[in-house]
Amino acid sequence: MAGAQRGTGTNQEAVRRHNLGTLLRHVHDASELSRADLTGRMGLNRSTIAGLVGELDTLGLIEHASPATERRGAGRPSAGVRIRDDGPYVVAVDLGVDQATVACVGLGGRVGQRASAPIPEETEAWQVGATVAALIRQVVALSPADAPLLGIGVAVPGLVRRSDGLIRHAPNLNWHDVSFGSIVLAALALDVPIALGNDADLGALSEHRRGAAQKIDDLVFLSGNVGVGAGVITGGHRLEGVAGYAGEVGHLCHAPGGIPCHCGSRGCWETVVGAHAIAQALRVPVDQAARLGATLDEMTTPARELRPIATELGRGLAAVVNIFNPSVVILGGCFRPLFRLCRAEVTAGLAERALRPANEAVRLTLPGLETDSVLLGAAEMAMEPVFNDPVASLAAAVTDAPARLAG
């Protein structure tokens, strides 16, 4: 995370805005902090912190909180600062293969109104865009009328080009080179910043910021749905690759000569452990595969048919652990309930093929944000501009979004 800066002369305004964003991010991550905490974290004097807090308060981003009851040393307790409940928000979209979930998310990670809708198989991108736009209208209509809408973040199960958000390839949606952000904005008839990212990458981002991997700089978030993908953070930085396509571990060759994959290859890992494989094992119709997470959540003991899949999940994880050497692997999507039910099989499969030193260093765990990891990651992505420059971000925000979307 960027620290505070000092500057004089022509760069003084840029430094001030940087420090505003840095302070806002600290409060966003913690939801509430004392001014003394902010002084220590940013390395600025008390009067400078007070000025920054006052400006963010005037901008409607934070508010004063009652002083903490616990304090260090003598003297009065330091005044608190917290995110406003009625302040700016973003719209987060978790675009799955068969369902889209949309929610309003405020600073501090507070999830407000949410709505979901099914996506029928083989639906065209413009039809999905219309569905997502309708969900956005629905949740924004129930938000405070005067709260600024900062932007929209969309998580996608596919390859998203970092430079412009173009969906190059989403095999389980059968999309190629789709400008989904433009489709959604056209359906909304609204000019608002929109950002797109890979679902596993965004799951890793949110779990790193406020989930099971806080203060952990080497982690993998494994998203297991119809497809399988990994979001990787190493040394505290997201591993993206030259164009943003890193982490497609579901297409590692796991079963040479195996069944065909949507990507065009055969025997990919996701064909063995993904939702379609789980559905087939449980004799669930394939068209219900993307909703298997809820079915697995209802199980208190594992079905016998799940154990071989859990073992193959662990064996495939060995390749991930050997390559990235993370300290934590977070199992999301269908893998979350599968790991809860079949922990022994997953860990045994991992131990069977992982290098011993890498296996000894890693811990498998469930998402701290439960089923909202990807959704909150999309929100974090959409919020990024306000931490870079709160003043400019608010100037570009839509302040009457409910009225404009209703028209």
Protein backbone atom coordinates (compact mmCIF):
# COMPACT_ATOMS: atom_id res chain seq x y z
CA MET A 1 0.00 0.00 0.00
CA ALA A 2 1.30 3.45 -0.86
CA GLY A 3 2.37 5.57 2.08
CA ALA A 4 1.98 9.25 2.81
CA GLN A 5 3.98 11.79 0.84
CA ARG A 6 5.29 15.26 1.52
CA GLY A 7 5.89 17.90 -1.11
CA THR A 8 6.26 21.59 -1.83
CA GLY A 9 5.80 23.90 -4.77
CA THR A 10 4.10 22.70 -7.92
CA ASN A 11 3.51 19.14 -6.69
CA GLN A 12 1.88 20.15 -3.40
CA GLU A 13 -1.67 19.65 -4.68
CA ALA A 14 -0.84 16.20 -6.08
CA VAL A 15 0.74 15.20 -2.79
CA ARG A 16 -2.31 16.43 -0.86
CA ARG A 17 -4.64 14.36 -3.01
CA HIS A 18 -2.38 11.33 -2.67
CA ASN A 19 -2.45 11.68 1.11
CA LEU A 20 -6.23 12.08 1.07
CA GLY A 21 -6.54 8.83 -0.85
CA THR A 22 -4.06 7.01 1.39
CA LEU A 23 -5.89 8.07 4.54
CA LEU A 24 -9.23 7.09 3.00
CA ARG A 25 -7.88 3.65 2.09
CA HIS A 26 -6.70 3.08 5.67
CA VAL A 27 -10.16 3.87 7.01
CA HIS A 28 -11.81 1.84 4.23
CA ASP A 29 -9.75 -1.24 5.14
CA ALA A 30 -10.45 -0.93 8.87
CA SER A 31 -13.94 0.71 8.70
CA GLU A 32 -12.97 2.80 11.74
CA LEU A 33 -9.67 4.13 13.10
CA SER A 34 -8.53 6.68 15.63
CA ARG A 35 -6.62 9.77 14.53
CA ALA A 36 -3.71 8.51 16.58
CA ASP A 37 -3.70 5.29 14.55
CA LEU A 38 -3.73 7.30 11.32
CA THR A 39 -0.87 9.47 12.55
CA GLY A 40 1.21 6.38 13.26
CA ARG A 41 0.35 4.62 10.00
CA MET A 42 0.96 7.58 7.72
CA GLY A 43 3.91 9.19 9.50
CA LEU A 44 2.37 12.67 9.35
CA ASN A 45 1.88 15.10 12.21
CA ARG A 46 -1.42 15.47 14.06
CA SER A 47 -2.37 18.77 12.50
CA THR A 48 -1.86 17.43 8.95
CA ILE A 49 -3.98 14.36 9.78
CA ALA A 50 -6.67 16.62 11.21
CA GLY A 51 -6.70 18.66 8.01
CA LEU A 52 -6.99 15.59 5.79
CA VAL A 53 -9.77 14.16 7.97
CA GLY A 54 -11.62 17.46 7.80
CA GLU A 55 -11.43 17.55 4.00
CA LEU A 56 -12.63 13.96 3.60
CA ASP A 57 -15.46 14.75 6.00
CA THR A 58 -16.44 17.76 3.88
CA LEU A 59 -16.37 15.54 0.78
CA GLY A 60 -18.89 13.22 2.48
CA LEU A 61 -16.55 10.22 2.57
CA ILE A 62 -15.91 9.81 6.29
CA GLU A 63 -17.33 11.07 9.55
CA HIS A 64 -16.21 11.50 13.12
CA ALA A 65 -16.76 8.65 15.57
CA SER A 66 -16.85 8.59 19.33
CA PRO A 67 -13.40 8.33 20.93
CA ALA A 68 -12.28 4.79 21.63
CA THR A 69 -12.86 3.66 25.21
CA GLU A 70 -9.43 2.04 25.28
CA ARG A 71 -6.39 4.28 24.98
CA ARG A 72 -2.65 4.09 25.26
CA GLY A 73 -0.94 6.15 27.90
CA ALA A 74 -2.27 9.23 29.64
CA GLY A 75 -4.46 11.96 28.25
CA ARG A 76 -7.73 12.07 26.38
CA PRO A 77 -8.56 9.24 23.97
CA SER A 78 -7.99 10.03 20.31
CA ALA A 79 -11.07 10.92 18.25
CA GLY A 80 -12.27 8.23 15.90
CA VAL A 81 -12.84 8.35 12.13
CA ARG A 82 -15.13 6.00 10.22
CA ILE A 83 -16.67 5.50 6.78
CA ARG A 84 -20.06 7.16 6.30
CA ASP A 85 -22.97 4.75 5.97
CA ASP A 86 -24.74 7.09 3.53
CA GLY A 87 -21.65 8.02 1.52
CA PRO A 88 -20.58 7.13 -2.03
CA TYR A 89 -20.92 3.61 -3.33
CA VAL A 90 -20.14 1.41 -6.32
CA VAL A 91 -22.15 -1.26 -8.09
CA ALA A 92 -20.47 -4.68 -8.11
CA VAL A 93 -21.41 -7.39 -10.62
CA ASP A 94 -20.50 -11.06 -10.20
CA LEU A 95 -21.16 -12.48 -13.66
CA GLY A 96 -21.42 -16.25 -13.47
CA VAL A 97 -22.07 -18.75 -16.22
CA ASP A 98 -25.74 -19.16 -15.36
CA GLN A 99 -26.46 -16.28 -12.97
CA ALA A 100 -25.58 -12.64 -12.46
CA THR A 101 -25.49 -11.10 -8.99
CA VAL A 102 -25.42 -7.33 -8.54
CA ALA A 103 -25.02 -5.32 -5.34
CA CYS A 104 -24.42 -1.79 -4.16
CA VAL A 105 -21.27 -1.70 -2.02
CA GLY A 106 -20.20 1.27 0.05
CA LEU A 107 -16.72 2.21 1.18
CA GLY A 108 -15.66 -0.03 4.02
CA GLY A 109 -17.03 -3.06 2.16
CA ARG A 110 -20.60 -2.54 3.34
CA VAL A 111 -22.95 -4.51 1.06
CA GLY A 112 -26.32 -2.83 0.54
CA GLN A 113 -29.06 -3.72 -1.89
CA ARG A 114 -28.47 -6.83 -4.00
CA ALA A 115 -30.33 -8.74 -6.70
CA SER A 116 -29.74 -11.77 -8.91
CA ALA A 117 -31.13 -13.13 -12.16
CA PRO A 118 -30.53 -16.30 -14.18
CA ILE A 119 -28.59 -16.32 -17.43
CA PRO A 120 -29.97 -18.96 -19.81
CA GLU A 121 -27.48 -21.13 -21.67
CA GLU A 122 -26.18 -19.77 -24.99
CA THR A 123 -27.47 -16.25 -24.27
CA GLU A 124 -25.89 -13.52 -26.42
CA ALA A 125 -23.68 -10.95 -24.71
CA TRP A 126 -26.08 -8.09 -25.44
CA GLN A 127 -28.90 -10.02 -23.76
CA VAL A 128 -26.74 -10.64 -20.70
CA GLY A 129 -25.88 -6.94 -20.71
CA ALA A 130 -29.57 -6.06 -20.69
CA THR A 131 -30.14 -8.41 -17.75
CA VAL A 132 -27.24 -6.91 -15.80
CA ALA A 133 -28.45 -3.38 -16.58
CA ALA A 134 -31.93 -4.24 -15.25
CA LEU A 135 -30.37 -5.57 -12.03
CA ILE A 136 -28.29 -2.42 -11.67
CA ARG A 137 -31.40 -0.25 -12.05
CA GLN A 138 -33.13 -2.38 -9.42
CA VAL A 139 -30.45 -2.03 -6.74
CA VAL A 140 -29.64 1.62 -7.45
CA ALA A 141 -33.33 2.56 -7.19
CA LEU A 142 -33.26 1.43 -3.56
CA SER A 143 -30.09 3.34 -2.69
CA PRO A 144 -30.02 6.83 -1.13
CA ALA A 145 -31.09 9.30 -3.80
CA ASP A 146 -28.24 11.74 -3.19
CA ALA A 147 -25.40 9.24 -2.60
CA PRO A 148 -22.81 9.49 -5.40
CA LEU A 149 -22.34 6.43 -7.63
CA LEU A 150 -18.58 6.16 -8.14
CA GLY A 151 -18.55 3.42 -10.76
CA ILE A 152 -19.31 -0.16 -11.71
CA GLY A 153 -17.07 -3.21 -11.32
CA VAL A 154 -17.74 -6.45 -13.21
CA ALA A 155 -16.18 -9.83 -12.41
CA VAL A 156 -16.06 -12.16 -15.44
CA PRO A 157 -15.27 -15.90 -15.71
CA GLY A 158 -12.76 -15.48 -18.52
CA LEU A 159 -9.73 -13.69 -19.93
CA VAL A 160 -10.07 -9.93 -19.53
CA ARG A 161 -7.54 -7.69 -21.25
CA ARG A 162 -5.99 -5.43 -18.67
CA SER A 163 -5.54 -2.44 -20.96
CA ASP A 164 -9.20 -1.88 -21.87
CA GLY A 165 -11.39 -4.51 -20.18
CA LEU A 166 -12.14 -6.41 -23.39
CA ILE A 167 -13.25 -9.99 -22.70
CA ARG A 168 -10.92 -11.86 -25.03
CA HIS A 169 -12.19 -15.33 -24.22
CA ALA A 170 -14.83 -16.63 -21.79
CA PRO A 171 -15.11 -20.27 -22.88
CA ASN A 172 -17.96 -21.26 -20.59
CA LEU A 173 -20.02 -18.32 -21.87
CA ASN A 174 -18.82 -18.93 -25.44
CA TRP A 175 -17.73 -15.28 -25.73
CA HIS A 176 -14.80 -14.02 -27.80
CA ASP A 177 -13.62 -10.38 -27.95
CA VAL A 178 -16.69 -8.93 -26.22
CA SER A 179 -16.72 -5.31 -25.01
CA PHE A 180 -19.14 -6.10 -22.21
CA GLY A 181 -18.56 -2.83 -20.36
CA SER A 182 -19.76 -0.85 -23.38
CA ILE A 183 -22.78 -3.16 -23.71
CA VAL A 184 -23.81 -2.55 -20.11
CA LEU A 185 -23.33 1.22 -20.30
CA ALA A 186 -25.33 1.39 -23.55
CA ALA A 187 -28.17 -0.55 -21.92
CA LEU A 188 -28.08 1.82 -18.94
CA ALA A 189 -27.74 4.97 -21.05
CA LEU A 190 -25.46 6.24 -18.29
CA ASP A 191 -21.93 7.64 -18.41
CA VAL A 192 -20.17 6.20 -15.37
CA PRO A 193 -16.72 4.61 -14.95
CA ILE A 194 -16.83 0.83 -15.46
CA ALA A 195 -14.06 -1.72 -14.93
CA LEU A 196 -13.90 -5.43 -15.70
CA GLY A 197 -11.66 -8.13 -14.23
CA ASN A 198 -11.25 -11.87 -13.98
CA ASP A 199 -13.37 -13.40 -11.22
CA ALA A 200 -10.55 -15.36 -9.55
CA ASP A 201 -8.23 -12.34 -9.59
CA LEU A 202 -10.91 -10.28 -7.88
CA GLY A 203 -11.60 -13.00 -5.33
CA ALA A 204 -7.92 -12.94 -4.42
CA LEU A 205 -7.99 -9.14 -4.16
CA SER A 206 -10.90 -9.03 -1.71
CA GLU A 207 -9.67 -11.93 0.41
CA HIS A 208 -6.29 -10.19 0.64
CA ARG A 209 -7.82 -6.86 1.66
CA ARG A 210 -10.50 -7.97 4.11
CA GLY A 211 -10.91 -11.76 4.06
CA ALA A 212 -8.95 -14.87 5.01
CA ALA A 213 -5.60 -13.58 3.70
CA GLN A 214 -5.26 -10.20 5.39
CA LYS A 215 -1.59 -9.40 6.06
CA ILE A 216 -0.58 -12.42 3.94
CA ASP A 217 1.44 -11.48 0.86
CA ASP A 218 1.66 -14.85 -0.93
CA LEU A 219 -1.70 -16.45 -1.63
CA VAL A 220 -3.83 -18.16 -4.24
CA PHE A 221 -7.60 -17.82 -4.49
CA LEU A 222 -8.96 -20.81 -6.38
CA SER A 223 -12.34 -20.20 -7.99
CA GLY A 224 -14.18 -23.44 -8.68
CA ASN A 225 -17.39 -23.20 -10.65
CA VAL A 226 -18.12 -24.47 -14.16
CA GLY A 227 -14.58 -23.29 -14.89
CA VAL A 228 -11.57 -23.22 -12.59
CA GLY A 229 -9.28 -20.22 -12.24
CA ALA A 230 -6.73 -18.85 -9.81
CA GLY A 231 -6.06 -15.37 -8.56
CA VAL A 232 -2.44 -15.15 -7.44
CA ILE A 233 -0.84 -12.57 -5.17
CA THR A 234 2.90 -12.92 -4.66
CA GLY A 235 5.02 -10.61 -2.55
CA GLY A 236 1.91 -8.49 -1.99
CA HIS A 237 1.37 -7.87 -5.72
CA ARG A 238 -1.20 -9.39 -8.05
CA LEU A 239 0.29 -11.68 -10.67
CA GLU A 240 -1.34 -10.56 -13.92
CA GLY A 241 0.91 -11.50 -16.82
CA VAL A 242 1.74 -9.32 -19.82
CA ALA A 243 -1.91 -8.74 -20.80
CA GLY A 244 -3.71 -9.74 -17.60
CA TYR A 245 -4.43 -13.39 -18.40
CA ALA A 246 -2.36 -15.14 -15.73
CA GLY A 247 -3.95 -17.73 -13.46
CA GLU A 248 -5.89 -19.96 -15.86
CA VAL A 249 -4.92 -23.07 -13.94
CA GLY A 250 -8.14 -24.85 -14.87
CA HIS A 251 -6.60 -25.46 -18.29
CA LEU A 252 -3.50 -27.21 -17.02
CA CYS A 253 -3.41 -30.68 -18.59
CA HIS A 254 -4.51 -33.00 -15.81
CA ALA A 255 -5.81 -36.08 -17.65
CA PRO A 256 -4.06 -36.54 -21.02
CA GLY A 257 -6.53 -37.94 -23.51
CA GLY A 258 -9.42 -36.98 -21.23
CA ILE A 259 -12.75 -35.43 -22.17
CA PRO A 260 -12.96 -32.28 -24.33
CA CYS A 261 -12.89 -28.90 -22.60
CA HIS A 262 -14.74 -25.73 -23.63
CA CYS A 263 -11.34 -24.15 -24.31
CA GLY A 264 -10.81 -26.55 -27.23
CA SER A 265 -8.25 -28.81 -25.53
CA ARG A 266 -8.76 -32.15 -23.79
CA GLY A 267 -8.26 -33.38 -20.24
CA CYS A 268 -8.02 -29.94 -18.61
CA TRP A 269 -8.10 -29.94 -14.80
CA GLU A 270 -11.52 -28.24 -14.75
CA THR A 271 -13.05 -31.13 -16.73
CA VAL A 272 -12.12 -33.40 -13.80
CA VAL A 273 -12.99 -31.20 -10.79
CA GLY A 274 -15.27 -28.42 -12.10
CA ALA A 275 -19.01 -28.11 -11.54
CA HIS A 276 -19.88 -30.29 -14.54
CA ALA A 277 -17.76 -33.14 -13.16
CA ILE A 278 -19.35 -32.76 -9.72
CA ALA A 279 -22.84 -32.68 -11.26
CA GLN A 280 -22.16 -35.83 -13.24
CA ALA A 281 -20.87 -37.61 -10.14
CA LEU A 282 -23.98 -36.65 -8.16
CA ARG A 283 -26.29 -37.35 -11.13
CA VAL A 284 -27.45 -33.74 -11.17
CA PRO A 285 -28.60 -32.35 -14.55
CA VAL A 286 -25.75 -30.51 -16.26
CA ASP A 287 -27.87 -27.37 -16.67
CA GLN A 288 -27.92 -27.11 -12.86
CA ALA A 289 -24.17 -27.49 -12.50
CA ALA A 290 -23.46 -23.82 -11.87
CA ARG A 291 -25.80 -23.89 -8.84
CA LEU A 292 -24.09 -26.86 -7.21
CA GLY A 293 -22.58 -24.71 -4.47
CA ALA A 294 -25.96 -24.40 -2.78
CA THR A 295 -26.57 -28.16 -3.11
CA LEU A 296 -23.21 -28.96 -1.54
CA ASP A 297 -23.79 -26.41 1.22
CA GLU A 298 -26.83 -28.40 2.32
CA MET A 299 -24.83 -31.60 2.78
CA THR A 300 -23.65 -32.47 6.27
CA THR A 301 -21.76 -35.60 5.22
CA PRO A 302 -20.00 -36.13 1.89
CA ALA A 303 -21.54 -38.31 -0.78
CA ARG A 304 -19.29 -41.22 -1.69
CA GLU A 305 -19.09 -39.93 -5.28
CA LEU A 306 -17.43 -36.69 -4.14
CA ARG A 307 -14.35 -38.30 -2.63
CA PRO A 308 -12.53 -39.11 -5.91
CA ILE A 309 -13.17 -35.55 -7.17
CA ALA A 310 -11.79 -34.12 -3.92
CA THR A 311 -8.66 -36.24 -4.34
CA GLU A 312 -8.18 -34.94 -7.90
CA LEU A 313 -8.70 -31.41 -6.58
CA GLY A 314 -5.80 -31.95 -4.20
CA ARG A 315 -3.61 -33.52 -6.88
CA GLY A 316 -4.20 -30.56 -9.20
CA LEU A 317 -3.56 -28.17 -6.34
CA ALA A 318 -0.12 -29.71 -6.02
CA ALA A 319 0.84 -28.17 -9.37
CA VAL A 320 -0.45 -24.78 -8.20
CA VAL A 321 1.45 -25.04 -4.91
CA ASN A 322 4.64 -26.22 -6.63
CA ILE A 323 4.54 -23.34 -9.12
CA PHE A 324 3.55 -20.42 -6.87
CA ASN A 325 4.68 -21.54 -3.39
CA PRO A 326 1.89 -19.68 -1.57
CA SER A 327 1.43 -19.59 2.19
CA VAL A 328 -2.36 -19.80 1.81
CA VAL A 329 -4.70 -21.31 -0.79
CA ILE A 330 -8.31 -20.14 -0.44
CA LEU A 331 -10.90 -22.45 -1.96
CA GLY A 332 -13.84 -20.55 -3.41
CA GLY A 333 -16.96 -21.36 -5.42
CA CYS A 334 -17.97 -25.04 -5.38
CA PHE A 335 -14.61 -25.89 -3.83
CA ARG A 336 -15.63 -24.13 -0.62
CA PRO A 337 -18.30 -26.68 0.40
CA LEU A 338 -16.36 -29.54 -1.27
CA PHE A 339 -13.35 -28.82 0.93
CA ARG A 340 -15.56 -28.60 4.01
CA LEU A 341 -17.01 -32.02 3.22
CA CYS A 342 -13.85 -33.76 1.95
CA ARG A 343 -10.93 -32.01 3.62
CA ALA A 344 -9.03 -35.26 4.19
CA GLU A 345 -9.20 -36.28 0.54
CA VAL A 346 -8.10 -32.87 -0.71
CA THR A 347 -5.14 -32.66 1.66
CA ALA A 348 -4.13 -36.27 0.86
CA GLY A 349 -4.19 -35.57 -2.89
CA LEU A 350 -2.09 -32.45 -2.33
CA ALA A 351 0.46 -34.30 -0.20
CA GLU A 352 0.68 -37.08 -2.79
CA ARG A 353 2.03 -34.80 -5.54
CA ALA A 354 3.27 -31.57 -3.98
CA LEU A 355 6.94 -31.04 -3.22
CA ARG A 356 7.37 -31.56 0.49
CA PRO A 357 8.87 -28.13 1.33
CA ALA A 358 6.10 -26.32 -0.61
CA ASN A 359 3.41 -28.49 0.97
CA GLU A 360 4.79 -27.86 4.45
CA ALA A 361 4.62 -24.10 3.85
CA VAL A 362 1.02 -23.93 2.59
CA ARG A 363 -2.31 -23.84 4.39
CA LEU A 364 -5.65 -24.59 2.72
CA THR A 365 -8.57 -22.56 3.99
CA LEU A 366 -12.11 -21.36 3.25
CA PRO A 367 -12.91 -17.80 2.12
CA GLY A 368 -13.26 -15.31 4.93
CA LEU A 369 -15.93 -13.54 2.86
CA GLU A 370 -17.85 -16.78 2.27
CA THR A 371 -19.71 -16.55 -1.06
CA ASP A 372 -19.06 -12.80 -1.57
CA SER A 373 -15.32 -12.90 -2.35
CA VAL A 374 -15.71 -12.24 -6.08
CA LEU A 375 -18.52 -9.71 -5.63
CA LEU A 376 -16.50 -7.68 -3.12
CA GLY A 377 -13.44 -7.96 -5.34
CA ALA A 378 -15.41 -6.35 -8.16
CA ALA A 379 -16.34 -3.58 -5.73
CA GLU A 380 -12.70 -3.06 -4.69
CA MET A 381 -11.72 -2.74 -8.35
CA ALA A 382 -14.42 -0.13 -8.99
CA MET A 383 -13.37 1.84 -5.91
CA GLU A 384 -9.70 2.09 -6.86
CA PRO A 385 -9.99 5.56 -8.48
CA VAL A 386 -11.33 7.12 -5.27
CA PHE A 387 -8.20 5.99 -3.42
CA ASN A 388 -5.96 7.37 -6.15
CA ASP A 389 -7.67 10.78 -6.11
CA PRO A 390 -10.83 11.27 -4.01
CA VAL A 391 -11.45 14.77 -5.36
CA ALA A 392 -11.33 13.79 -9.04
CA SER A 393 -13.30 10.58 -8.45
CA LEU A 394 -16.13 12.42 -6.74
CA ALA A 395 -16.14 15.03 -9.48
CA ALA A 396 -16.77 12.24 -12.03
CA ALA A 397 -19.38 10.46 -9.89
CA VAL A 398 -23.08 10.33 -10.76
CA THR A 399 -24.95 12.13 -7.97
CA ASP A 400 -28.50 11.45 -9.14
CA ALA A 401 -28.18 7.86 -10.33
CA PRO A 402 -31.63 6.62 -9.14
CA ALA A 403 -33.41 9.41 -10.97
CA ARG A 404 -31.36 9.09 -14.14
CA LEU A 405 -31.69 5.30 -14.31
CA ALA A 406 -35.44 5.55 -13.66
CA GLY A 407 -35.78 7.87 -16.62
